[in-house]
Amino acid sequence: MFSVRKTLQALFYLQSKAPKSNKCRCSVMYLLKLLYFTDRYHLRHFGFVATGDKYFAMKNGPVGTATKDIMQGKMPSFANSAELSLINDVKQMSEYDIAINEQKDDELSESFKQSLDFAVRTYGKYTQFQLSDITHDYPEWKRHEREISYGGQSEMLFIDFFDNPKSLSKSKSCGIKEDPFKDDSKFLQVLKEDFSE
């Protein structure tokens, strides 16, 4: 289930762990992409999406829509009204940058933290535009590439997150030679079958 509190804790965790030298660490796009990589890792290792968000394929890559609402100071329509005041923990620094007020991490499971750590360790050094490019290698976004090219957006299928990319052309242009998500194929197939049931 999606939780505003848990999502804010995850965003603060990412911001606080991201390299201080990366000027993009407060960028909305940067944070959205790191959270996507977090959820991709979590789904492929633990069988469910850590944030509970829905992802849409958009021009600049996958976007968790409820998370995007929060980052823009809007309450997702399905969120718990008791969490409404938490929106004030998002501070708009500029049109494209935000800062998350300090958060506890009591809503973050160990598997969620492991996945957040993977995202920061693997992708934290890149700019938001490099991250956007890298996401375009993955099949869950590729499936919708044609319709997106006409300016649309489309809900992504979590079952596609279990598939590996056919090409890493965008990742390689950023210096990534092997897919960081490469996992044991038999284990992935079992998780994929469990997820689809």
N, C-alpha and C. Protein backbone atom coordinates (compact mmCIF):
# COMPACT_ATOMS: atom_id res chain seq x y z
N MET A 1 0.84 -1.20 0.00
CA MET A 1 0.00 0.00 0.00
C MET A 1 0.87 1.25 0.00
N PHE A 2 0.39 2.27 -0.69
CA PHE A 2 1.14 3.52 -0.77
C PHE A 2 0.96 4.32 0.52
N SER A 3 2.05 4.88 1.01
CA SER A 3 2.02 5.70 2.21
C SER A 3 2.83 6.97 1.96
N VAL A 4 2.22 8.12 2.23
CA VAL A 4 2.92 9.40 2.07
C VAL A 4 4.12 9.44 3.01
N ARG A 5 3.93 9.02 4.25
CA ARG A 5 5.02 9.04 5.24
C ARG A 5 6.20 8.18 4.77
N LYS A 6 5.89 6.97 4.34
CA LYS A 6 6.96 6.05 3.89
C LYS A 6 7.69 6.63 2.67
N THR A 7 6.93 7.22 1.76
CA THR A 7 7.54 7.79 0.55
C THR A 7 8.44 8.97 0.90
N LEU A 8 8.00 9.83 1.80
CA LEU A 8 8.84 10.95 2.23
C LEU A 8 10.11 10.45 2.91
N GLN A 9 9.98 9.40 3.70
CA GLN A 9 11.17 8.83 4.35
C GLN A 9 12.14 8.28 3.31
N ALA A 10 11.60 7.65 2.27
CA ALA A 10 12.45 7.11 1.21
C ALA A 10 13.15 8.24 0.44
N LEU A 11 12.41 9.30 0.15
CA LEU A 11 13.00 10.43 -0.58
C LEU A 11 14.08 11.12 0.25
N PHE A 12 13.83 11.28 1.54
CA PHE A 12 14.84 11.88 2.40
C PHE A 12 16.07 10.98 2.49
N TYR A 13 15.85 9.68 2.58
CA TYR A 13 16.94 8.71 2.63
C TYR A 13 17.81 8.85 1.39
N LEU A 14 17.17 8.93 0.21
CA LEU A 14 17.91 9.09 -1.04
C LEU A 14 18.69 10.40 -1.07
N GLN A 15 18.03 11.49 -0.67
CA GLN A 15 18.70 12.79 -0.68
C GLN A 15 19.89 12.82 0.28
N SER A 16 19.74 12.20 1.43
CA SER A 16 20.81 12.25 2.43
C SER A 16 21.96 11.32 2.07
N LYS A 17 21.68 10.26 1.30
CA LYS A 17 22.73 9.29 0.94
C LYS A 17 23.38 9.62 -0.40
N ALA A 18 22.72 10.40 -1.23
CA ALA A 18 23.28 10.74 -2.55
C ALA A 18 24.59 11.50 -2.38
N PRO A 19 25.51 11.34 -3.32
CA PRO A 19 26.80 12.04 -3.22
C PRO A 19 26.61 13.55 -3.07
N LYS A 20 27.24 14.11 -2.07
CA LYS A 20 27.12 15.56 -1.83
C LYS A 20 27.64 16.37 -3.02
N SER A 21 28.55 15.78 -3.79
CA SER A 21 29.13 16.47 -4.94
C SER A 21 28.17 16.52 -6.13
N ASN A 22 27.09 15.72 -6.09
CA ASN A 22 26.15 15.70 -7.20
C ASN A 22 25.14 16.84 -7.05
N LYS A 23 25.24 17.82 -7.91
CA LYS A 23 24.36 18.99 -7.84
C LYS A 23 22.91 18.66 -8.19
N CYS A 24 22.67 17.45 -8.68
CA CYS A 24 21.31 17.04 -9.08
C CYS A 24 20.55 16.37 -7.94
N ARG A 25 21.16 16.21 -6.78
CA ARG A 25 20.55 15.40 -5.72
C ARG A 25 19.22 15.95 -5.20
N CYS A 26 18.91 17.22 -5.51
CA CYS A 26 17.62 17.80 -5.11
C CYS A 26 16.63 17.87 -6.28
N SER A 27 17.07 17.40 -7.44
CA SER A 27 16.22 17.44 -8.63
C SER A 27 15.06 16.44 -8.50
N VAL A 28 13.87 16.90 -8.87
CA VAL A 28 12.69 16.03 -8.84
C VAL A 28 12.91 14.82 -9.75
N MET A 29 13.44 15.05 -10.96
CA MET A 29 13.65 13.94 -11.89
C MET A 29 14.68 12.95 -11.34
N TYR A 30 15.74 13.45 -10.77
CA TYR A 30 16.79 12.61 -10.18
C TYR A 30 16.18 11.69 -9.12
N LEU A 31 15.40 12.25 -8.22
CA LEU A 31 14.81 11.47 -7.14
C LEU A 31 13.78 10.47 -7.66
N LEU A 32 12.99 10.87 -8.64
CA LEU A 32 12.00 9.96 -9.23
C LEU A 32 12.68 8.76 -9.87
N LYS A 33 13.81 9.01 -10.55
CA LYS A 33 14.51 7.91 -11.22
C LYS A 33 15.19 6.98 -10.20
N LEU A 34 15.78 7.55 -9.16
CA LEU A 34 16.39 6.69 -8.13
C LEU A 34 15.33 5.84 -7.44
N LEU A 35 14.15 6.40 -7.24
CA LEU A 35 13.08 5.63 -6.61
C LEU A 35 12.58 4.53 -7.54
N TYR A 36 12.55 4.82 -8.84
CA TYR A 36 12.20 3.77 -9.82
C TYR A 36 13.21 2.63 -9.77
N PHE A 37 14.50 2.95 -9.74
CA PHE A 37 15.52 1.90 -9.66
C PHE A 37 15.39 1.12 -8.35
N THR A 38 15.01 1.81 -7.28
CA THR A 38 14.76 1.16 -5.99
C THR A 38 13.63 0.15 -6.12
N ASP A 39 12.53 0.57 -6.70
CA ASP A 39 11.37 -0.32 -6.83
C ASP A 39 11.66 -1.48 -7.79
N ARG A 40 12.42 -1.21 -8.84
CA ARG A 40 12.78 -2.28 -9.79
C ARG A 40 13.59 -3.35 -9.07
N TYR A 41 14.57 -2.92 -8.29
CA TYR A 41 15.41 -3.85 -7.53
C TYR A 41 14.55 -4.63 -6.52
N HIS A 42 13.70 -3.91 -5.81
CA HIS A 42 12.89 -4.54 -4.76
C HIS A 42 11.95 -5.59 -5.35
N LEU A 43 11.33 -5.28 -6.45
CA LEU A 43 10.41 -6.22 -7.10
C LEU A 43 11.15 -7.48 -7.55
N ARG A 44 12.33 -7.30 -8.11
CA ARG A 44 13.10 -8.43 -8.64
C ARG A 44 13.77 -9.27 -7.54
N HIS A 45 13.85 -8.74 -6.33
CA HIS A 45 14.47 -9.50 -5.24
C HIS A 45 13.48 -9.98 -4.18
N PHE A 46 12.38 -9.23 -4.01
CA PHE A 46 11.46 -9.53 -2.92
C PHE A 46 10.02 -9.75 -3.38
N GLY A 47 9.76 -9.55 -4.68
CA GLY A 47 8.47 -9.91 -5.24
C GLY A 47 7.38 -8.86 -5.18
N PHE A 48 7.69 -7.66 -4.68
CA PHE A 48 6.69 -6.59 -4.69
C PHE A 48 7.39 -5.24 -4.72
N VAL A 49 6.64 -4.22 -5.11
CA VAL A 49 7.17 -2.86 -5.23
C VAL A 49 7.16 -2.21 -3.85
N ALA A 50 8.31 -1.71 -3.42
CA ALA A 50 8.45 -1.20 -2.05
C ALA A 50 7.57 0.02 -1.78
N THR A 51 7.43 0.92 -2.75
CA THR A 51 6.68 2.15 -2.53
C THR A 51 5.17 1.94 -2.59
N GLY A 52 4.72 0.94 -3.33
CA GLY A 52 3.29 0.76 -3.54
C GLY A 52 2.74 1.73 -4.57
N ASP A 53 3.61 2.42 -5.28
CA ASP A 53 3.19 3.42 -6.26
C ASP A 53 2.88 2.75 -7.60
N LYS A 54 2.16 3.49 -8.47
CA LYS A 54 1.95 3.08 -9.85
C LYS A 54 2.96 3.83 -10.71
N TYR A 55 3.49 3.15 -11.72
CA TYR A 55 4.46 3.77 -12.61
C TYR A 55 3.88 3.99 -14.00
N PHE A 56 4.15 5.17 -14.52
CA PHE A 56 3.78 5.49 -15.89
C PHE A 56 5.03 5.74 -16.71
N ALA A 57 5.02 5.24 -17.94
CA ALA A 57 6.10 5.53 -18.88
C ALA A 57 5.84 6.91 -19.47
N MET A 58 6.80 7.79 -19.32
CA MET A 58 6.71 9.15 -19.86
C MET A 58 7.96 9.44 -20.67
N LYS A 59 7.99 10.58 -21.31
CA LYS A 59 9.09 10.94 -22.20
C LYS A 59 10.46 10.79 -21.53
N ASN A 60 10.57 11.23 -20.28
CA ASN A 60 11.84 11.17 -19.57
C ASN A 60 12.02 9.92 -18.73
N GLY A 61 11.22 8.88 -19.03
CA GLY A 61 11.38 7.62 -18.32
C GLY A 61 10.23 7.32 -17.38
N PRO A 62 10.39 6.27 -16.56
CA PRO A 62 9.34 5.86 -15.63
C PRO A 62 9.12 6.89 -14.52
N VAL A 63 7.87 7.07 -14.15
CA VAL A 63 7.52 8.03 -13.10
C VAL A 63 6.50 7.41 -12.15
N GLY A 64 6.82 7.40 -10.87
CA GLY A 64 5.85 7.00 -9.85
C GLY A 64 4.89 8.17 -9.66
N THR A 65 3.64 7.99 -10.06
CA THR A 65 2.73 9.14 -10.17
C THR A 65 2.32 9.73 -8.82
N ALA A 66 2.09 8.90 -7.83
CA ALA A 66 1.72 9.44 -6.51
C ALA A 66 2.91 10.17 -5.88
N THR A 67 4.10 9.61 -6.08
CA THR A 67 5.32 10.26 -5.58
C THR A 67 5.51 11.61 -6.25
N LYS A 68 5.27 11.66 -7.53
CA LYS A 68 5.39 12.93 -8.26
C LYS A 68 4.42 13.96 -7.70
N ASP A 69 3.20 13.54 -7.41
CA ASP A 69 2.22 14.46 -6.80
C ASP A 69 2.76 15.04 -5.50
N ILE A 70 3.28 14.18 -4.65
CA ILE A 70 3.81 14.63 -3.36
C ILE A 70 4.93 15.64 -3.55
N MET A 71 5.80 15.36 -4.50
CA MET A 71 6.94 16.24 -4.75
C MET A 71 6.50 17.60 -5.31
N GLN A 72 5.31 17.63 -5.88
CA GLN A 72 4.75 18.88 -6.39
C GLN A 72 3.83 19.55 -5.38
N GLY A 73 3.79 19.01 -4.16
CA GLY A 73 2.98 19.59 -3.11
C GLY A 73 1.51 19.25 -3.19
N LYS A 74 1.19 18.18 -3.92
CA LYS A 74 -0.21 17.75 -4.07
C LYS A 74 -0.42 16.41 -3.35
N MET A 75 -1.59 16.24 -2.82
CA MET A 75 -1.91 14.99 -2.13
C MET A 75 -2.49 14.00 -3.15
N PRO A 76 -1.93 12.79 -3.27
CA PRO A 76 -2.52 11.80 -4.17
C PRO A 76 -3.97 11.52 -3.78
N SER A 77 -4.81 11.31 -4.75
CA SER A 77 -6.25 11.16 -4.51
C SER A 77 -6.58 9.99 -3.59
N PHE A 78 -5.77 8.94 -3.62
CA PHE A 78 -6.08 7.75 -2.82
C PHE A 78 -5.33 7.72 -1.49
N ALA A 79 -4.59 8.78 -1.17
CA ALA A 79 -3.79 8.80 0.06
C ALA A 79 -4.67 8.99 1.28
N ASN A 80 -4.15 8.59 2.40
CA ASN A 80 -4.83 8.72 3.69
C ASN A 80 -4.90 10.20 4.07
N SER A 81 -6.09 10.72 4.31
CA SER A 81 -6.26 12.15 4.63
C SER A 81 -5.54 12.54 5.92
N ALA A 82 -5.30 11.56 6.80
CA ALA A 82 -4.59 11.83 8.05
C ALA A 82 -3.13 12.24 7.78
N GLU A 83 -2.65 11.94 6.58
CA GLU A 83 -1.27 12.27 6.23
C GLU A 83 -1.14 13.62 5.51
N LEU A 84 -2.25 14.33 5.39
CA LEU A 84 -2.28 15.57 4.61
C LEU A 84 -1.20 16.57 5.03
N SER A 85 -1.00 16.74 6.32
CA SER A 85 -0.04 17.74 6.80
C SER A 85 1.40 17.40 6.43
N LEU A 86 1.66 16.13 6.08
CA LEU A 86 3.02 15.72 5.75
C LEU A 86 3.52 16.37 4.46
N ILE A 87 2.59 16.82 3.63
CA ILE A 87 2.98 17.48 2.38
C ILE A 87 3.87 18.70 2.67
N ASN A 88 3.70 19.29 3.85
CA ASN A 88 4.51 20.46 4.23
C ASN A 88 5.98 20.12 4.42
N ASP A 89 6.31 18.83 4.45
CA ASP A 89 7.72 18.43 4.59
C ASP A 89 8.48 18.50 3.26
N VAL A 90 7.77 18.83 2.19
CA VAL A 90 8.42 19.03 0.89
C VAL A 90 8.60 20.52 0.67
N LYS A 91 9.83 20.95 0.52
CA LYS A 91 10.15 22.37 0.32
C LYS A 91 10.59 22.61 -1.12
N GLN A 92 9.84 23.46 -1.81
CA GLN A 92 10.20 23.81 -3.19
C GLN A 92 11.38 24.77 -3.18
N MET A 93 12.50 24.35 -3.75
CA MET A 93 13.69 25.20 -3.81
C MET A 93 13.73 25.99 -5.11
N SER A 94 13.17 25.38 -6.16
CA SER A 94 13.06 26.03 -7.47
C SER A 94 12.01 25.25 -8.25
N GLU A 95 11.86 25.58 -9.50
CA GLU A 95 10.84 24.91 -10.32
C GLU A 95 11.10 23.41 -10.41
N TYR A 96 12.37 23.01 -10.40
CA TYR A 96 12.72 21.61 -10.62
C TYR A 96 13.39 20.93 -9.43
N ASP A 97 13.62 21.68 -8.35
CA ASP A 97 14.34 21.14 -7.21
C ASP A 97 13.52 21.23 -5.92
N ILE A 98 13.69 20.21 -5.08
CA ILE A 98 12.99 20.19 -3.80
C ILE A 98 13.97 19.75 -2.71
N ALA A 99 13.59 20.01 -1.48
CA ALA A 99 14.30 19.47 -0.32
C ALA A 99 13.25 18.83 0.59
N ILE A 100 13.57 17.67 1.11
CA ILE A 100 12.67 16.97 2.02
C ILE A 100 13.15 17.23 3.44
N ASN A 101 12.25 17.72 4.30
CA ASN A 101 12.60 17.90 5.70
C ASN A 101 13.07 16.58 6.30
N GLU A 102 13.91 16.68 7.32
CA GLU A 102 14.46 15.47 7.94
C GLU A 102 13.34 14.53 8.37
N GLN A 103 13.53 13.26 8.05
CA GLN A 103 12.54 12.23 8.34
C GLN A 103 13.16 11.11 9.17
N LYS A 104 12.33 10.40 9.93
CA LYS A 104 12.76 9.16 10.55
C LYS A 104 12.81 8.10 9.46
N ASP A 105 13.22 6.90 9.79
CA ASP A 105 13.19 5.82 8.80
C ASP A 105 12.43 4.60 9.31
N ASP A 106 11.55 4.82 10.29
CA ASP A 106 10.83 3.72 10.92
C ASP A 106 9.83 3.03 10.01
N GLU A 107 9.45 3.69 8.90
CA GLU A 107 8.51 3.07 7.94
C GLU A 107 9.25 2.27 6.86
N LEU A 108 10.57 2.38 6.84
CA LEU A 108 11.36 1.71 5.80
C LEU A 108 11.82 0.34 6.28
N SER A 109 11.39 -0.70 5.61
CA SER A 109 11.82 -2.05 5.96
C SER A 109 13.29 -2.23 5.58
N GLU A 110 13.89 -3.28 6.09
CA GLU A 110 15.29 -3.57 5.75
C GLU A 110 15.44 -3.83 4.25
N SER A 111 14.45 -4.49 3.65
CA SER A 111 14.52 -4.76 2.21
C SER A 111 14.40 -3.45 1.41
N PHE A 112 13.58 -2.52 1.91
CA PHE A 112 13.44 -1.22 1.27
C PHE A 112 14.78 -0.46 1.34
N LYS A 113 15.39 -0.45 2.51
CA LYS A 113 16.69 0.23 2.67
C LYS A 113 17.76 -0.41 1.79
N GLN A 114 17.74 -1.73 1.72
CA GLN A 114 18.70 -2.42 0.86
C GLN A 114 18.53 -1.97 -0.59
N SER A 115 17.30 -1.82 -1.01
CA SER A 115 17.01 -1.41 -2.39
C SER A 115 17.37 0.05 -2.62
N LEU A 116 17.10 0.90 -1.64
CA LEU A 116 17.50 2.31 -1.74
C LEU A 116 19.02 2.42 -1.82
N ASP A 117 19.71 1.63 -1.01
CA ASP A 117 21.18 1.65 -1.02
C ASP A 117 21.71 1.21 -2.38
N PHE A 118 21.09 0.20 -2.96
CA PHE A 118 21.48 -0.25 -4.31
C PHE A 118 21.34 0.89 -5.31
N ALA A 119 20.21 1.58 -5.26
CA ALA A 119 19.96 2.67 -6.22
C ALA A 119 21.00 3.79 -6.08
N VAL A 120 21.29 4.17 -4.85
CA VAL A 120 22.27 5.25 -4.63
C VAL A 120 23.67 4.80 -5.01
N ARG A 121 24.03 3.61 -4.59
CA ARG A 121 25.38 3.08 -4.87
C ARG A 121 25.61 2.93 -6.38
N THR A 122 24.58 2.50 -7.09
CA THR A 122 24.73 2.20 -8.52
C THR A 122 24.52 3.42 -9.40
N TYR A 123 23.57 4.27 -9.03
CA TYR A 123 23.17 5.36 -9.92
C TYR A 123 23.30 6.77 -9.34
N GLY A 124 23.68 6.86 -8.08
CA GLY A 124 23.69 8.16 -7.41
C GLY A 124 24.60 9.21 -8.01
N LYS A 125 25.62 8.79 -8.72
CA LYS A 125 26.60 9.75 -9.26
C LYS A 125 26.15 10.41 -10.56
N TYR A 126 25.09 9.90 -11.17
CA TYR A 126 24.68 10.40 -12.48
C TYR A 126 23.77 11.62 -12.37
N THR A 127 23.69 12.39 -13.46
CA THR A 127 22.76 13.52 -13.51
C THR A 127 21.35 13.01 -13.77
N GLN A 128 20.37 13.86 -13.57
CA GLN A 128 18.99 13.45 -13.81
C GLN A 128 18.76 13.08 -15.28
N PHE A 129 19.47 13.74 -16.19
CA PHE A 129 19.28 13.45 -17.62
C PHE A 129 19.96 12.14 -18.01
N GLN A 130 21.09 11.83 -17.39
CA GLN A 130 21.72 10.53 -17.62
C GLN A 130 20.82 9.41 -17.09
N LEU A 131 20.25 9.62 -15.91
CA LEU A 131 19.34 8.63 -15.34
C LEU A 131 18.14 8.41 -16.24
N SER A 132 17.61 9.50 -16.77
CA SER A 132 16.49 9.40 -17.71
C SER A 132 16.86 8.53 -18.90
N ASP A 133 18.03 8.79 -19.46
CA ASP A 133 18.50 7.99 -20.61
C ASP A 133 18.64 6.52 -20.25
N ILE A 134 19.25 6.24 -19.09
CA ILE A 134 19.48 4.86 -18.66
C ILE A 134 18.16 4.10 -18.54
N THR A 135 17.13 4.75 -18.02
CA THR A 135 15.83 4.06 -17.86
C THR A 135 15.24 3.64 -19.19
N HIS A 136 15.65 4.30 -20.27
CA HIS A 136 15.11 3.99 -21.60
C HIS A 136 15.61 2.66 -22.15
N ASP A 137 16.57 2.03 -21.47
CA ASP A 137 17.04 0.70 -21.88
C ASP A 137 16.11 -0.41 -21.41
N TYR A 138 15.29 -0.14 -20.41
CA TYR A 138 14.57 -1.22 -19.74
C TYR A 138 13.22 -1.54 -20.40
N PRO A 139 12.89 -2.84 -20.47
CA PRO A 139 11.73 -3.29 -21.25
C PRO A 139 10.39 -2.72 -20.81
N GLU A 140 10.25 -2.43 -19.51
CA GLU A 140 8.98 -1.88 -19.03
C GLU A 140 8.71 -0.49 -19.60
N TRP A 141 9.78 0.25 -19.93
CA TRP A 141 9.62 1.55 -20.60
C TRP A 141 9.58 1.35 -22.10
N LYS A 142 10.43 0.48 -22.63
CA LYS A 142 10.52 0.24 -24.07
C LYS A 142 9.17 -0.16 -24.67
N ARG A 143 8.39 -0.92 -23.91
CA ARG A 143 7.09 -1.37 -24.40
C ARG A 143 6.22 -0.20 -24.87
N HIS A 144 6.39 0.95 -24.25
CA HIS A 144 5.52 2.10 -24.51
C HIS A 144 6.21 3.20 -25.33
N GLU A 145 7.40 2.92 -25.82
CA GLU A 145 8.21 3.95 -26.48
C GLU A 145 7.50 4.63 -27.63
N ARG A 146 6.80 3.87 -28.44
CA ARG A 146 6.15 4.45 -29.61
C ARG A 146 5.05 5.43 -29.23
N GLU A 147 4.17 5.04 -28.30
CA GLU A 147 3.08 5.94 -27.92
C GLU A 147 3.59 7.17 -27.18
N ILE A 148 4.68 6.99 -26.43
CA ILE A 148 5.27 8.13 -25.72
C ILE A 148 5.84 9.14 -26.71
N SER A 149 6.37 8.64 -27.83
CA SER A 149 6.98 9.53 -28.81
C SER A 149 5.97 10.51 -29.40
N TYR A 150 4.69 10.20 -29.25
CA TYR A 150 3.63 11.10 -29.72
C TYR A 150 3.12 12.01 -28.60
N GLY A 151 3.83 12.01 -27.49
CA GLY A 151 3.49 12.93 -26.40
C GLY A 151 2.58 12.36 -25.34
N GLY A 152 2.33 11.07 -25.40
CA GLY A 152 1.43 10.47 -24.41
C GLY A 152 2.18 9.89 -23.22
N GLN A 153 1.44 9.18 -22.40
CA GLN A 153 2.01 8.44 -21.28
C GLN A 153 1.18 7.19 -21.10
N SER A 154 1.77 6.17 -20.52
CA SER A 154 1.07 4.90 -20.42
C SER A 154 1.48 4.17 -19.14
N GLU A 155 0.50 3.55 -18.49
CA GLU A 155 0.82 2.83 -17.26
C GLU A 155 1.69 1.62 -17.57
N MET A 156 2.75 1.48 -16.79
CA MET A 156 3.69 0.39 -17.00
C MET A 156 3.19 -0.87 -16.29
N LEU A 157 3.62 -2.01 -16.82
CA LEU A 157 3.24 -3.31 -16.27
C LEU A 157 4.36 -3.84 -15.40
N PHE A 158 4.06 -4.13 -14.15
CA PHE A 158 5.10 -4.60 -13.24
C PHE A 158 5.70 -5.93 -13.68
N ILE A 159 4.94 -6.73 -14.40
CA ILE A 159 5.46 -8.01 -14.87
C ILE A 159 6.67 -7.80 -15.79
N ASP A 160 6.70 -6.65 -16.50
CA ASP A 160 7.83 -6.35 -17.40
C ASP A 160 9.11 -6.03 -16.63
N PHE A 161 8.99 -5.65 -15.35
CA PHE A 161 10.17 -5.33 -14.55
C PHE A 161 11.07 -6.55 -14.36
N PHE A 162 10.51 -7.74 -14.53
CA PHE A 162 11.29 -8.97 -14.35
C PHE A 162 12.15 -9.29 -15.57
N ASP A 163 11.88 -8.64 -16.69
CA ASP A 163 12.62 -8.91 -17.93
C ASP A 163 13.90 -8.10 -17.98
N ASN A 164 14.88 -8.63 -18.68
CA ASN A 164 16.15 -7.96 -18.85
C ASN A 164 16.16 -7.17 -20.15
N PRO A 165 16.95 -6.09 -20.22
CA PRO A 165 17.01 -5.30 -21.44
C PRO A 165 17.69 -6.06 -22.58
N LYS A 166 17.25 -5.81 -23.80
CA LYS A 166 17.87 -6.43 -24.97
C LYS A 166 19.13 -5.69 -25.36
N SER A 167 19.19 -4.42 -24.99
CA SER A 167 20.35 -3.59 -25.32
C SER A 167 20.61 -2.63 -24.17
N LEU A 168 21.87 -2.28 -23.99
CA LEU A 168 22.25 -1.31 -22.96
C LEU A 168 22.87 -0.08 -23.61
N SER A 169 22.37 0.29 -24.78
CA SER A 169 22.99 1.39 -25.53
C SER A 169 23.02 2.70 -24.74
N LYS A 170 21.95 3.03 -24.06
CA LYS A 170 21.91 4.27 -23.27
C LYS A 170 22.82 4.15 -22.04
N SER A 171 22.77 3.01 -21.38
CA SER A 171 23.60 2.78 -20.19
C SER A 171 25.08 2.83 -20.55
N LYS A 172 25.43 2.23 -21.67
CA LYS A 172 26.84 2.19 -22.08
C LYS A 172 27.36 3.59 -22.38
N SER A 173 26.50 4.46 -22.89
CA SER A 173 26.93 5.83 -23.16
C SER A 173 27.23 6.58 -21.85
N CYS A 174 26.75 6.03 -20.73
CA CYS A 174 27.03 6.61 -19.40
C CYS A 174 28.12 5.83 -18.67
N GLY A 175 28.74 4.88 -19.37
CA GLY A 175 29.84 4.12 -18.79
C GLY A 175 29.43 2.85 -18.07
N ILE A 176 28.16 2.44 -18.19
CA ILE A 176 27.68 1.20 -17.56
C ILE A 176 27.80 0.07 -18.58
N LYS A 177 28.69 -0.87 -18.34
CA LYS A 177 28.98 -1.91 -19.33
C LYS A 177 28.11 -3.15 -19.18
N GLU A 178 27.69 -3.43 -17.93
CA GLU A 178 26.83 -4.59 -17.67
C GLU A 178 25.59 -4.14 -16.91
N ASP A 179 24.49 -4.83 -17.14
CA ASP A 179 23.24 -4.48 -16.47
C ASP A 179 23.37 -4.72 -14.96
N PRO A 180 23.26 -3.66 -14.15
CA PRO A 180 23.36 -3.82 -12.68
C PRO A 180 22.25 -4.68 -12.09
N PHE A 181 21.17 -4.89 -12.86
CA PHE A 181 20.03 -5.68 -12.38
C PHE A 181 20.14 -7.16 -12.74
N LYS A 182 21.22 -7.52 -13.39
CA LYS A 182 21.37 -8.91 -13.83
C LYS A 182 21.32 -9.85 -12.63
N ASP A 183 20.38 -10.77 -12.64
CA ASP A 183 20.18 -11.70 -11.54
C ASP A 183 20.08 -13.12 -12.07
N ASP A 184 20.04 -14.06 -11.15
CA ASP A 184 19.87 -15.46 -11.51
C ASP A 184 18.55 -15.66 -12.24
N SER A 185 18.60 -16.17 -13.46
CA SER A 185 17.40 -16.27 -14.31
C SER A 185 16.34 -17.20 -13.72
N LYS A 186 16.77 -18.29 -13.07
CA LYS A 186 15.81 -19.23 -12.49
C LYS A 186 15.06 -18.59 -11.33
N PHE A 187 15.80 -17.86 -10.48
CA PHE A 187 15.19 -17.16 -9.35
C PHE A 187 14.18 -16.12 -9.85
N LEU A 188 14.58 -15.37 -10.88
CA LEU A 188 13.69 -14.35 -11.45
C LEU A 188 12.43 -14.99 -12.02
N GLN A 189 12.60 -16.13 -12.69
CA GLN A 189 11.44 -16.78 -13.29
C GLN A 189 10.44 -17.23 -12.23
N VAL A 190 10.95 -17.74 -11.12
CA VAL A 190 10.07 -18.16 -10.00
C VAL A 190 9.32 -16.96 -9.45
N LEU A 191 10.04 -15.85 -9.22
CA LEU A 191 9.39 -14.62 -8.71
C LEU A 191 8.35 -14.11 -9.70
N LYS A 192 8.70 -14.15 -10.97
CA LYS A 192 7.78 -13.66 -12.01
C LYS A 192 6.50 -14.50 -12.03
N GLU A 193 6.65 -15.81 -11.93
CA GLU A 193 5.48 -16.70 -11.92
C GLU A 193 4.62 -16.46 -10.68
N ASP A 194 5.27 -16.29 -9.53
CA ASP A 194 4.52 -16.00 -8.30
C ASP A 194 3.78 -14.68 -8.42
N PHE A 195 4.44 -13.69 -8.99
CA PHE A 195 3.85 -12.36 -9.12
C PHE A 195 2.64 -12.39 -10.05
N SER A 196 2.72 -13.17 -11.11
CA SER A 196 1.63 -13.18 -12.11
C SER A 196 0.42 -13.97 -11.65
N GLU A 197 0.55 -14.74 -10.56
CA GLU A 197 -0.59 -15.55 -10.08
C GLU A 197 -1.59 -14.77 -9.27
